[in-house]
């Protein structure tokens, strides 16, 4: 494109001015009304180029225009998915920031929709019971927006440690959360039983219920946790989130996101245990039980469920 510089006027200048103002750069009202590329527009362009690592100057050339367009995207303006060349822009950066805070790591927040971002989107989609295809459509954006109270105002680059749960806080969760746990197969039932034993050994008045099936959850159950050693069939579940017991540091945050996104009654989250093909031992079952009980207590600490 031919550079647009001081002295130009018209629709192209108006577009540049609107974009710059929308992301916080100041341009004189008289210049904007006249759609003229004057001194204040040039100053805004020069500052924009400096802020975004472009070569110094006050004209809008092709790299400046491309960067300006990218910076004006807001999350939800377009469908995002893995392609070549990669999508890049402010909307991708917003997506990465929010997923990182929610526990679904995109890696570095670089504004580029690459393989790590696609993988994080798939994990988030699976956690909320949506089709995990890695394509960020309005449904994905809406689910993230509903979790604004979780990610809003928090740094995106982590780590976001939950911190150890004190006895009093863990006891409060186990007494009042309205939790039930069940399992799909013999191995996961073993782990579920160990979680129940640990919880009831922690406090005398533990209200965590161990049930044979989802249908057997007692009245008043607010959240049902389902353990399974099998992958989620077809990566699809209706209103039930699915998370992996893998990254322990982010497990409580991923569990919170899945619970708060569930539209099942009671709210339901499925936890997939990474058993693999090796022999599964009693020690493995106890380790999983301890990790999961800690994550449950951290996830439910001060969690308000409507």
C-alpha atoms as a PDB file:
ATOM      1  CA  UNK A   1       0.000   0.000   0.000  1.00  0.00           C
ATOM      2  CA  UNK A   2       1.059   3.599  -0.503  1.00  0.00           C
ATOM      3  CA  UNK A   3       1.963   5.220   2.839  1.00  0.00           C
ATOM      4  CA  UNK A   4      -0.634   7.595   4.283  1.00  0.00           C
ATOM      5  CA  UNK A   5       1.001  10.670   5.780  1.00  0.00           C
ATOM      6  CA  UNK A   6       0.392  14.249   6.880  1.00  0.00           C
ATOM      7  CA  UNK A   7      -1.720  16.213   4.424  1.00  0.00           C
ATOM      8  CA  UNK A   8      -3.918  13.259   3.463  1.00  0.00           C
ATOM      9  CA  UNK A   9      -7.666  13.348   4.073  1.00  0.00           C
ATOM     10  CA  UNK A  10     -10.719  11.193   3.544  1.00  0.00           C
ATOM     11  CA  UNK A  11     -12.182   7.833   4.537  1.00  0.00           C
ATOM     12  CA  UNK A  12      -8.826   6.074   4.932  1.00  0.00           C
ATOM     13  CA  UNK A  13      -7.632   8.732   7.370  1.00  0.00           C
ATOM     14  CA  UNK A  14     -10.919   8.557   9.245  1.00  0.00           C
ATOM     15  CA  UNK A  15     -10.496   4.792   9.616  1.00  0.00           C
ATOM     16  CA  UNK A  16      -6.964   5.226  10.955  1.00  0.00           C
ATOM     17  CA  UNK A  17      -8.119   7.871  13.442  1.00  0.00           C
ATOM     18  CA  UNK A  18     -11.017   5.763  14.697  1.00  0.00           C
ATOM     19  CA  UNK A  19      -8.761   2.762  15.223  1.00  0.00           C
ATOM     20  CA  UNK A  20      -6.107   4.749  17.055  1.00  0.00           C
ATOM     21  CA  UNK A  21      -8.666   6.424  19.314  1.00  0.00           C
ATOM     22  CA  UNK A  22     -10.347   3.087  20.072  1.00  0.00           C
ATOM     23  CA  UNK A  23      -7.121   1.779  21.612  1.00  0.00           C
ATOM     24  CA  UNK A  24      -6.353   4.904  23.624  1.00  0.00           C
ATOM     25  CA  UNK A  25      -4.400   7.290  21.408  1.00  0.00           C
ATOM     26  CA  UNK A  26      -5.441  10.953  21.436  1.00  0.00           C
ATOM     27  CA  UNK A  27      -6.295  12.920  18.281  1.00  0.00           C
ATOM     28  CA  UNK A  28      -7.695  16.458  18.140  1.00  0.00           C
ATOM     29  CA  UNK A  29     -11.449  16.574  17.611  1.00  0.00           C
ATOM     30  CA  UNK A  30     -11.109  19.150  14.829  1.00  0.00           C
ATOM     31  CA  UNK A  31      -8.790  16.844  12.900  1.00  0.00           C
ATOM     32  CA  UNK A  32     -11.183  13.945  13.327  1.00  0.00           C
ATOM     33  CA  UNK A  33     -14.139  16.042  12.193  1.00  0.00           C
ATOM     34  CA  UNK A  34     -12.205  17.101   9.083  1.00  0.00           C
ATOM     35  CA  UNK A  35     -10.923  13.519   8.462  1.00  0.00           C
ATOM     36  CA  UNK A  36      -7.540  15.135   7.990  1.00  0.00           C
ATOM     37  CA  UNK A  37      -4.110  13.671   8.717  1.00  0.00           C
ATOM     38  CA  UNK A  38      -2.723  16.561  10.761  1.00  0.00           C
ATOM     39  CA  UNK A  39      -0.161  16.962  13.498  1.00  0.00           C
ATOM     40  CA  UNK A  40      -2.054  15.180  16.274  1.00  0.00           C
ATOM     41  CA  UNK A  41      -2.786  12.207  14.001  1.00  0.00           C
ATOM     42  CA  UNK A  42       0.880  12.043  13.049  1.00  0.00           C
ATOM     43  CA  UNK A  43       1.858  12.166  16.723  1.00  0.00           C
ATOM     44  CA  UNK A  44      -0.556   9.330  17.529  1.00  0.00           C
ATOM     45  CA  UNK A  45       0.829   7.250  14.656  1.00  0.00           C
ATOM     46  CA  UNK A  46       4.412   7.893  15.781  1.00  0.00           C
ATOM     47  CA  UNK A  47       3.568   6.818  19.337  1.00  0.00           C
ATOM     48  CA  UNK A  48       1.744   3.737  18.095  1.00  0.00           C
ATOM     49  CA  UNK A  49       4.748   2.715  15.987  1.00  0.00           C
ATOM     50  CA  UNK A  50       7.086   3.226  18.931  1.00  0.00           C
ATOM     51  CA  UNK A  51       4.830   1.296  21.319  1.00  0.00           C
ATOM     52  CA  UNK A  52       4.635  -1.688  18.964  1.00  0.00           C
ATOM     53  CA  UNK A  53       8.278  -2.023  18.006  1.00  0.00           C
ATOM     54  CA  UNK A  54       7.899  -0.668  14.488  1.00  0.00           C
ATOM     55  CA  UNK A  55      10.456   1.557  12.811  1.00  0.00           C
ATOM     56  CA  UNK A  56      10.302   5.198  13.842  1.00  0.00           C
ATOM     57  CA  UNK A  57       8.068   7.429  11.749  1.00  0.00           C
ATOM     58  CA  UNK A  58       4.713   9.153  11.623  1.00  0.00           C
ATOM     59  CA  UNK A  59       3.178   7.712   8.464  1.00  0.00           C
ATOM     60  CA  UNK A  60       0.958   4.666   8.075  1.00  0.00           C
ATOM     61  CA  UNK A  61       2.776   2.177   5.857  1.00  0.00           C
ATOM     62  CA  UNK A  62       1.833  -1.476   5.275  1.00  0.00           C
ATOM     63  CA  UNK A  63       3.437  -2.886   8.485  1.00  0.00           C
ATOM     64  CA  UNK A  64       1.882  -0.098  10.571  1.00  0.00           C
ATOM     65  CA  UNK A  65      -1.557  -0.661   9.064  1.00  0.00           C
ATOM     66  CA  UNK A  66      -1.351  -4.433   9.591  1.00  0.00           C
ATOM     67  CA  UNK A  67      -0.330  -3.982  13.233  1.00  0.00           C
ATOM     68  CA  UNK A  68      -3.051  -1.382  13.801  1.00  0.00           C
ATOM     69  CA  UNK A  69      -5.730  -3.714  12.438  1.00  0.00           C
ATOM     70  CA  UNK A  70      -4.454  -6.540  14.659  1.00  0.00           C
ATOM     71  CA  UNK A  71      -4.518  -4.359  17.754  1.00  0.00           C
ATOM     72  CA  UNK A  72      -8.139  -3.341  17.188  1.00  0.00           C
ATOM     73  CA  UNK A  73      -9.578  -6.864  17.278  1.00  0.00           C
ATOM     74  CA  UNK A  74     -11.588  -7.643  20.412  1.00  0.00           C
ATOM     75  CA  UNK A  75     -12.314 -11.167  21.577  1.00  0.00           C
ATOM     76  CA  UNK A  76     -15.409 -12.347  19.728  1.00  0.00           C
ATOM     77  CA  UNK A  77     -14.906 -10.206  16.617  1.00  0.00           C
ATOM     78  CA  UNK A  78     -13.961 -13.274  14.564  1.00  0.00           C
ATOM     79  CA  UNK A  79     -13.758 -17.045  14.790  1.00  0.00           C
ATOM     80  CA  UNK A  80     -10.266 -18.187  15.775  1.00  0.00           C
ATOM     81  CA  UNK A  81      -8.713 -21.509  14.815  1.00  0.00           C
ATOM     82  CA  UNK A  82      -5.372 -22.990  13.793  1.00  0.00           C
ATOM     83  CA  UNK A  83      -4.432 -22.043  10.242  1.00  0.00           C
ATOM     84  CA  UNK A  84      -1.414 -20.948   8.203  1.00  0.00           C
ATOM     85  CA  UNK A  85      -0.631 -18.142   8.371  1.00  0.00           C
ATOM     86  CA  UNK A  86      -1.682 -18.064  12.007  1.00  0.00           C
ATOM     87  CA  UNK A  87      -4.336 -15.682  13.235  1.00  0.00           C
ATOM     88  CA  UNK A  88      -2.674 -12.963  15.267  1.00  0.00           C
ATOM     89  CA  UNK A  89      -3.911  -9.889  17.049  1.00  0.00           C
ATOM     90  CA  UNK A  90      -5.296  -8.408  20.221  1.00  0.00           C
ATOM     91  CA  UNK A  91      -8.240 -10.829  20.317  1.00  0.00           C
ATOM     92  CA  UNK A  92      -5.856 -13.787  20.304  1.00  0.00           C
ATOM     93  CA  UNK A  93      -3.875 -12.139  23.099  1.00  0.00           C
ATOM     94  CA  UNK A  94      -7.059 -11.662  25.147  1.00  0.00           C
ATOM     95  CA  UNK A  95      -7.976 -15.318  24.597  1.00  0.00           C
ATOM     96  CA  UNK A  96      -4.530 -16.467  25.711  1.00  0.00           C
ATOM     97  CA  UNK A  97      -4.553 -14.246  28.795  1.00  0.00           C
ATOM     98  CA  UNK A  98      -7.934 -15.501  29.959  1.00  0.00           C
ATOM     99  CA  UNK A  99      -7.227 -19.167  29.300  1.00  0.00           C
ATOM    100  CA  UNK A 100      -3.902 -18.914  31.129  1.00  0.00           C
ATOM    101  CA  UNK A 101      -5.629 -17.481  34.208  1.00  0.00           C
ATOM    102  CA  UNK A 102      -8.314 -20.194  34.035  1.00  0.00           C
ATOM    103  CA  UNK A 103      -5.608 -22.887  34.107  1.00  0.00           C
ATOM    104  CA  UNK A 104      -5.478 -23.833  30.422  1.00  0.00           C
ATOM    105  CA  UNK A 105      -1.964 -22.837  29.458  1.00  0.00           C
ATOM    106  CA  UNK A 106      -1.331 -21.285  26.058  1.00  0.00           C
ATOM    107  CA  UNK A 107       2.296 -20.641  26.941  1.00  0.00           C
ATOM    108  CA  UNK A 108       3.638 -17.164  26.281  1.00  0.00           C
ATOM    109  CA  UNK A 109       0.981 -14.534  25.569  1.00  0.00           C
ATOM    110  CA  UNK A 110       2.199 -13.590  22.090  1.00  0.00           C
ATOM    111  CA  UNK A 111      -1.045 -12.841  20.240  1.00  0.00           C
ATOM    112  CA  UNK A 112      -0.508 -15.708  17.769  1.00  0.00           C
ATOM    113  CA  UNK A 113      -2.993 -18.580  17.498  1.00  0.00           C
ATOM    114  CA  UNK A 114      -0.535 -21.469  17.275  1.00  0.00           C
ATOM    115  CA  UNK A 115      -0.577 -25.113  18.316  1.00  0.00           C
ATOM    116  CA  UNK A 116      -0.287 -24.393  22.059  1.00  0.00           C
ATOM    117  CA  UNK A 117      -3.231 -21.998  21.963  1.00  0.00           C
ATOM    118  CA  UNK A 118      -5.306 -24.496  19.969  1.00  0.00           C
ATOM    119  CA  UNK A 119      -4.477 -27.216  22.532  1.00  0.00           C
ATOM    120  CA  UNK A 120      -5.538 -24.919  25.392  1.00  0.00           C
ATOM    121  CA  UNK A 121      -8.813 -24.086  23.625  1.00  0.00           C
ATOM    122  CA  UNK A 122      -9.528 -27.807  23.165  1.00  0.00           C
ATOM    123  CA  UNK A 123      -8.913 -28.504  26.851  1.00  0.00           C
ATOM    124  CA  UNK A 124     -11.136 -25.595  27.882  1.00  0.00           C
ATOM    125  CA  UNK A 125     -13.913 -26.715  25.514  1.00  0.00           C
ATOM    126  CA  UNK A 126     -13.710 -30.246  26.891  1.00  0.00           C
ATOM    127  CA  UNK A 127     -13.819 -28.909  30.443  1.00  0.00           C
ATOM    128  CA  UNK A 128     -17.139 -27.174  29.801  1.00  0.00           C
ATOM    129  CA  UNK A 129     -18.708 -30.109  27.961  1.00  0.00           C
ATOM    130  CA  UNK A 130     -18.455 -28.588  24.483  1.00  0.00           C
ATOM    131  CA  UNK A 131     -17.168 -30.054  21.226  1.00  0.00           C
ATOM    132  CA  UNK A 132     -13.392 -29.929  21.659  1.00  0.00           C
ATOM    133  CA  UNK A 133     -12.364 -29.000  18.128  1.00  0.00           C
ATOM    134  CA  UNK A 134     -10.012 -26.131  18.949  1.00  0.00           C
ATOM    135  CA  UNK A 135     -12.133 -23.650  16.994  1.00  0.00           C
ATOM    136  CA  UNK A 136     -13.065 -20.654  19.110  1.00  0.00           C
ATOM    137  CA  UNK A 137     -16.638 -19.753  18.128  1.00  0.00           C
ATOM    138  CA  UNK A 138     -19.093 -17.463  19.953  1.00  0.00           C
ATOM    139  CA  UNK A 139     -20.071 -20.330  22.290  1.00  0.00           C
ATOM    140  CA  UNK A 140     -16.461 -20.566  23.476  1.00  0.00           C
ATOM    141  CA  UNK A 141     -16.195 -16.802  23.918  1.00  0.00           C
ATOM    142  CA  UNK A 142     -19.493 -16.739  25.834  1.00  0.00           C
ATOM    143  CA  UNK A 143     -18.285 -19.485  28.182  1.00  0.00           C
ATOM    144  CA  UNK A 144     -15.090 -17.540  28.882  1.00  0.00           C
ATOM    145  CA  UNK A 145     -17.051 -14.335  29.472  1.00  0.00           C
ATOM    146  CA  UNK A 146     -19.280 -16.101  32.004  1.00  0.00           C
ATOM    147  CA  UNK A 147     -16.084 -16.798  33.968  1.00  0.00           C
ATOM    148  CA  UNK A 148     -15.058 -13.128  34.057  1.00  0.00           C
ATOM    149  CA  UNK A 149     -15.306 -13.149  37.844  1.00  0.00           C
ATOM    150  CA  UNK A 150     -12.563 -15.812  37.821  1.00  0.00           C
ATOM    151  CA  UNK A 151     -10.070 -14.283  35.362  1.00  0.00           C
ATOM    152  CA  UNK A 152     -10.881 -10.580  35.612  1.00  0.00           C
ATOM    153  CA  UNK A 153      -8.060  -8.453  36.986  1.00  0.00           C
ATOM    154  CA  UNK A 154      -5.576 -11.312  37.372  1.00  0.00           C
ATOM    155  CA  UNK A 155      -2.142 -11.531  35.705  1.00  0.00           C
ATOM    156  CA  UNK A 156      -2.111 -13.742  32.630  1.00  0.00           C
ATOM    157  CA  UNK A 157       1.415 -15.100  32.761  1.00  0.00           C
ATOM    158  CA  UNK A 158       1.181 -17.067  36.001  1.00  0.00           C
ATOM    159  CA  UNK A 159       1.981 -19.263  37.629  1.00  0.00           C
ATOM    160  CA  UNK A 160      -1.170 -18.940  39.716  1.00  0.00           C
ATOM    161  CA  UNK A 161      -0.513 -21.169  42.722  1.00  0.00           C
ATOM    162  CA  UNK A 162      -3.485 -22.130  44.818  1.00  0.00           C
ATOM    163  CA  UNK A 163      -1.381 -22.317  47.958  1.00  0.00           C
ATOM    164  CA  UNK A 164      -1.696 -25.039  50.549  1.00  0.00           C
ATOM    165  CA  UNK A 165      -5.068 -25.492  52.171  1.00  0.00           C
ATOM    166  CA  UNK A 166      -5.113 -24.973  55.906  1.00  0.00           C
ATOM    167  CA  UNK A 167      -7.061 -27.519  57.934  1.00  0.00           C
ATOM    168  CA  UNK A 168      -9.835 -25.084  58.827  1.00  0.00           C
ATOM    169  CA  UNK A 169     -10.398 -24.065  55.196  1.00  0.00           C
ATOM    170  CA  UNK A 170     -10.366 -27.677  53.974  1.00  0.00           C
ATOM    171  CA  UNK A 171     -12.777 -28.672  56.756  1.00  0.00           C
ATOM    172  CA  UNK A 172     -15.137 -25.871  55.769  1.00  0.00           C
ATOM    173  CA  UNK A 173     -15.220 -27.115  52.185  1.00  0.00           C
ATOM    174  CA  UNK A 174     -15.870 -30.712  53.163  1.00  0.00           C
ATOM    175  CA  UNK A 175     -18.621 -29.738  55.599  1.00  0.00           C
ATOM    176  CA  UNK A 176     -20.548 -27.300  53.453  1.00  0.00           C
ATOM    177  CA  UNK A 177     -19.873 -27.711  49.727  1.00  0.00           C
ATOM    178  CA  UNK A 178     -22.649 -30.212  48.938  1.00  0.00           C
ATOM    179  CA  UNK A 179     -20.340 -32.608  47.084  1.00  0.00           C
ATOM    180  CA  UNK A 180     -20.883 -36.125  45.823  1.00  0.00           C
ATOM    181  CA  UNK A 181     -18.382 -38.349  44.055  1.00  0.00           C
ATOM    182  CA  UNK A 182     -18.886 -41.377  41.831  1.00  0.00           C
ATOM    183  CA  UNK A 183     -16.878 -43.395  39.314  1.00  0.00           C
ATOM    184  CA  UNK A 184     -17.243 -45.228  36.009  1.00  0.00           C
ATOM    185  CA  UNK A 185     -14.969 -48.274  36.412  1.00  0.00           C
ATOM    186  CA  UNK A 186     -13.206 -50.412  39.036  1.00  0.00           C
ATOM    187  CA  UNK A 187      -9.960 -48.402  39.120  1.00  0.00           C
ATOM    188  CA  UNK A 188     -11.672 -45.038  39.428  1.00  0.00           C
ATOM    189  CA  UNK A 189     -14.088 -46.474  42.036  1.00  0.00           C
ATOM    190  CA  UNK A 190     -11.048 -47.477  44.073  1.00  0.00           C
ATOM    191  CA  UNK A 191      -9.724 -43.908  43.881  1.00  0.00           C
ATOM    192  CA  UNK A 192     -13.156 -42.457  44.705  1.00  0.00           C
ATOM    193  CA  UNK A 193     -13.424 -44.685  47.768  1.00  0.00           C
ATOM    194  CA  UNK A 194     -10.002 -43.550  48.940  1.00  0.00           C
ATOM    195  CA  UNK A 195     -10.987 -39.897  48.512  1.00  0.00           C
ATOM    196  CA  UNK A 196     -14.085 -40.534  50.622  1.00  0.00           C
ATOM    197  CA  UNK A 197     -12.009 -42.270  53.326  1.00  0.00           C
ATOM    198  CA  UNK A 198      -9.437 -39.465  53.406  1.00  0.00           C
ATOM    199  CA  UNK A 199     -12.129 -36.803  53.583  1.00  0.00           C
ATOM    200  CA  UNK A 200     -13.965 -38.501  56.438  1.00  0.00           C
ATOM    201  CA  UNK A 201     -10.681 -39.048  58.251  1.00  0.00           C
ATOM    202  CA  UNK A 202      -9.948 -35.325  57.931  1.00  0.00           C
ATOM    203  CA  UNK A 203     -13.064 -34.109  59.725  1.00  0.00           C
ATOM    204  CA  UNK A 204     -15.769 -35.800  61.753  1.00  0.00           C
ATOM    205  CA  UNK A 205     -18.710 -34.046  60.081  1.00  0.00           C
ATOM    206  CA  UNK A 206     -17.642 -34.549  56.469  1.00  0.00           C
ATOM    207  CA  UNK A 207     -20.538 -34.090  54.026  1.00  0.00           C
ATOM    208  CA  UNK A 208     -18.821 -35.593  50.967  1.00  0.00           C
ATOM    209  CA  UNK A 209     -21.062 -38.392  49.629  1.00  0.00           C
ATOM    210  CA  UNK A 210     -19.824 -41.465  47.778  1.00  0.00           C
ATOM    211  CA  UNK A 211     -22.520 -42.717  45.375  1.00  0.00           C
ATOM    212  CA  UNK A 212     -22.835 -45.617  42.957  1.00  0.00           C
ATOM    213  CA  UNK A 213     -23.932 -43.488  40.028  1.00  0.00           C
ATOM    214  CA  UNK A 214     -24.878 -39.962  39.023  1.00  0.00           C
ATOM    215  CA  UNK A 215     -28.544 -40.859  39.437  1.00  0.00           C
ATOM    216  CA  UNK A 216     -27.900 -41.871  43.062  1.00  0.00           C
ATOM    217  CA  UNK A 217     -26.641 -38.433  44.132  1.00  0.00           C
ATOM    218  CA  UNK A 218     -28.677 -37.366  47.163  1.00  0.00           C
ATOM    219  CA  UNK A 219     -31.055 -34.435  47.135  1.00  0.00           C
ATOM    220  CA  UNK A 220     -29.219 -31.238  47.890  1.00  0.00           C
ATOM    221  CA  UNK A 221     -26.064 -32.236  46.011  1.00  0.00           C
ATOM    222  CA  UNK A 222     -24.737 -29.123  44.336  1.00  0.00           C
ATOM    223  CA  UNK A 223     -21.738 -30.630  42.543  1.00  0.00           C
ATOM    224  CA  UNK A 224     -21.106 -34.169  41.341  1.00  0.00           C
ATOM    225  CA  UNK A 225     -17.554 -35.311  40.570  1.00  0.00           C
ATOM    226  CA  UNK A 226     -17.283 -38.312  38.245  1.00  0.00           C
ATOM    227  CA  UNK A 227     -13.984 -40.205  38.033  1.00  0.00           C
ATOM    228  CA  UNK A 228     -13.094 -42.289  34.995  1.00  0.00           C
ATOM    229  CA  UNK A 229     -10.087 -43.961  33.424  1.00  0.00           C
ATOM    230  CA  UNK A 230     -11.613 -43.739  29.943  1.00  0.00           C
ATOM    231  CA  UNK A 231     -11.278 -40.812  27.512  1.00  0.00           C
ATOM    232  CA  UNK A 232     -14.416 -38.792  26.954  1.00  0.00           C
ATOM    233  CA  UNK A 233     -16.174 -40.509  24.012  1.00  0.00           C
ATOM    234  CA  UNK A 234     -15.875 -38.351  20.922  1.00  0.00           C
ATOM    235  CA  UNK A 235     -14.759 -35.426  23.111  1.00  0.00           C
ATOM    236  CA  UNK A 236     -18.428 -34.561  23.576  1.00  0.00           C
ATOM    237  CA  UNK A 237     -20.504 -34.287  26.732  1.00  0.00           C
ATOM    238  CA  UNK A 238     -23.791 -32.508  27.271  1.00  0.00           C
ATOM    239  CA  UNK A 239     -23.342 -29.947  30.023  1.00  0.00           C
ATOM    240  CA  UNK A 240     -20.609 -31.967  31.729  1.00  0.00           C
ATOM    241  CA  UNK A 241     -17.048 -30.701  31.816  1.00  0.00           C
ATOM    242  CA  UNK A 242     -14.096 -33.065  31.405  1.00  0.00           C
ATOM    243  CA  UNK A 243     -10.622 -32.382  32.802  1.00  0.00           C
ATOM    244  CA  UNK A 244      -7.429 -34.425  32.980  1.00  0.00           C
ATOM    245  CA  UNK A 245      -5.606 -35.161  36.209  1.00  0.00           C
ATOM    246  CA  UNK A 246      -2.299 -33.980  34.804  1.00  0.00           C
ATOM    247  CA  UNK A 247      -0.986 -30.494  35.615  1.00  0.00           C
ATOM    248  CA  UNK A 248      -1.385 -30.482  39.391  1.00  0.00           C
ATOM    249  CA  UNK A 249      -0.648 -26.761  39.783  1.00  0.00           C
ATOM    250  CA  UNK A 250      -3.566 -25.764  37.543  1.00  0.00           C
ATOM    251  CA  UNK A 251      -5.925 -28.617  38.451  1.00  0.00           C
ATOM    252  CA  UNK A 252      -7.951 -26.654  41.071  1.00  0.00           C
ATOM    253  CA  UNK A 253      -8.461 -23.724  38.682  1.00  0.00           C
ATOM    254  CA  UNK A 254      -9.474 -26.008  35.831  1.00  0.00           C
ATOM    255  CA  UNK A 255     -11.881 -27.798  38.150  1.00  0.00           C
ATOM    256  CA  UNK A 256     -13.440 -24.465  39.224  1.00  0.00           C
ATOM    257  CA  UNK A 257     -13.864 -23.436  35.587  1.00  0.00           C
ATOM    258  CA  UNK A 258     -15.517 -26.736  34.687  1.00  0.00           C
ATOM    259  CA  UNK A 259     -17.884 -26.575  37.664  1.00  0.00           C
ATOM    260  CA  UNK A 260     -18.894 -22.979  37.047  1.00  0.00           C
ATOM    261  CA  UNK A 261     -19.467 -23.686  33.353  1.00  0.00           C
ATOM    262  CA  UNK A 262     -21.574 -26.801  33.846  1.00  0.00           C
ATOM    263  CA  UNK A 263     -25.279 -26.491  33.107  1.00  0.00           C
ATOM    264  CA  UNK A 264     -26.135 -29.969  34.370  1.00  0.00           C
ATOM    265  CA  UNK A 265     -28.170 -30.485  37.554  1.00  0.00           C
ATOM    266  CA  UNK A 266     -26.344 -30.988  39.817  1.00  0.00           C
ATOM    267  CA  UNK A 267     -23.331 -29.293  38.300  1.00  0.00           C
ATOM    268  CA  UNK A 268     -21.051 -32.077  37.113  1.00  0.00           C
ATOM    269  CA  UNK A 269     -17.365 -32.362  36.307  1.00  0.00           C
ATOM    270  CA  UNK A 270     -15.700 -35.496  34.955  1.00  0.00           C
ATOM    271  CA  UNK A 271     -12.064 -36.124  35.945  1.00  0.00           C
ATOM    272  CA  UNK A 272     -10.075 -38.393  33.659  1.00  0.00           C
ATOM    273  CA  UNK A 273      -7.389 -40.404  35.468  1.00  0.00           C
ATOM    274  CA  UNK A 274      -4.137 -40.983  33.520  1.00  0.00           C
ATOM    275  CA  UNK A 275      -3.830 -44.716  34.120  1.00  0.00           C
ATOM    276  CA  UNK A 276      -2.145 -45.745  30.840  1.00  0.00           C
ATOM    277  CA  UNK A 277      -1.107 -49.300  30.077  1.00  0.00           C
ATOM    278  CA  UNK A 278       1.187 -49.874  33.059  1.00  0.00           C
ATOM    279  CA  UNK A 279       0.113 -51.838  36.111  1.00  0.00           C
ATOM    280  CA  UNK A 280      -1.979 -49.685  38.454  1.00  0.00           C
ATOM    281  CA  UNK A 281      -0.933 -50.135  42.075  1.00  0.00           C
ATOM    282  CA  UNK A 282      -2.439 -49.355  45.476  1.00  0.00           C
ATOM    283  CA  UNK A 283       0.192 -46.642  45.826  1.00  0.00           C
ATOM    284  CA  UNK A 284      -1.003 -45.064  42.551  1.00  0.00           C
ATOM    285  CA  UNK A 285      -4.602 -45.085  43.766  1.00  0.00           C
ATOM    286  CA  UNK A 286      -3.634 -43.440  47.059  1.00  0.00           C
ATOM    287  CA  UNK A 287      -1.528 -40.796  45.288  1.00  0.00           C
ATOM    288  CA  UNK A 288      -4.410 -39.921  42.962  1.00  0.00           C
ATOM    289  CA  UNK A 289      -6.796 -39.757  45.912  1.00  0.00           C
ATOM    290  CA  UNK A 290      -4.579 -37.343  47.846  1.00  0.00           C
ATOM    291  CA  UNK A 291      -3.997 -35.115  44.805  1.00  0.00           C
ATOM    292  CA  UNK A 292      -7.690 -35.014  43.968  1.00  0.00           C
ATOM    293  CA  UNK A 293      -8.878 -34.322  47.501  1.00  0.00           C
ATOM    294  CA  UNK A 294      -6.402 -31.435  47.776  1.00  0.00           C
ATOM    295  CA  UNK A 295      -7.560 -30.079  44.408  1.00  0.00           C
ATOM    296  CA  UNK A 296     -11.229 -30.408  45.386  1.00  0.00           C
ATOM    297  CA  UNK A 297     -10.679 -28.493  48.625  1.00  0.00           C
ATOM    298  CA  UNK A 298      -8.721 -25.765  46.811  1.00  0.00           C
ATOM    299  CA  UNK A 299     -11.272 -25.543  43.985  1.00  0.00           C
ATOM    300  CA  UNK A 300     -14.235 -25.215  46.339  1.00  0.00           C
ATOM    301  CA  UNK A 301     -12.638 -22.842  48.806  1.00  0.00           C
ATOM    302  CA  UNK A 302     -14.886 -19.743  48.789  1.00  0.00           C
ATOM    303  CA  UNK A 303     -16.546 -20.958  45.578  1.00  0.00           C
ATOM    304  CA  UNK A 304     -20.099 -19.632  45.344  1.00  0.00           C
ATOM    305  CA  UNK A 305     -22.505 -21.850  43.418  1.00  0.00           C
ATOM    306  CA  UNK A 306     -25.954 -20.608  42.549  1.00  0.00           C
END
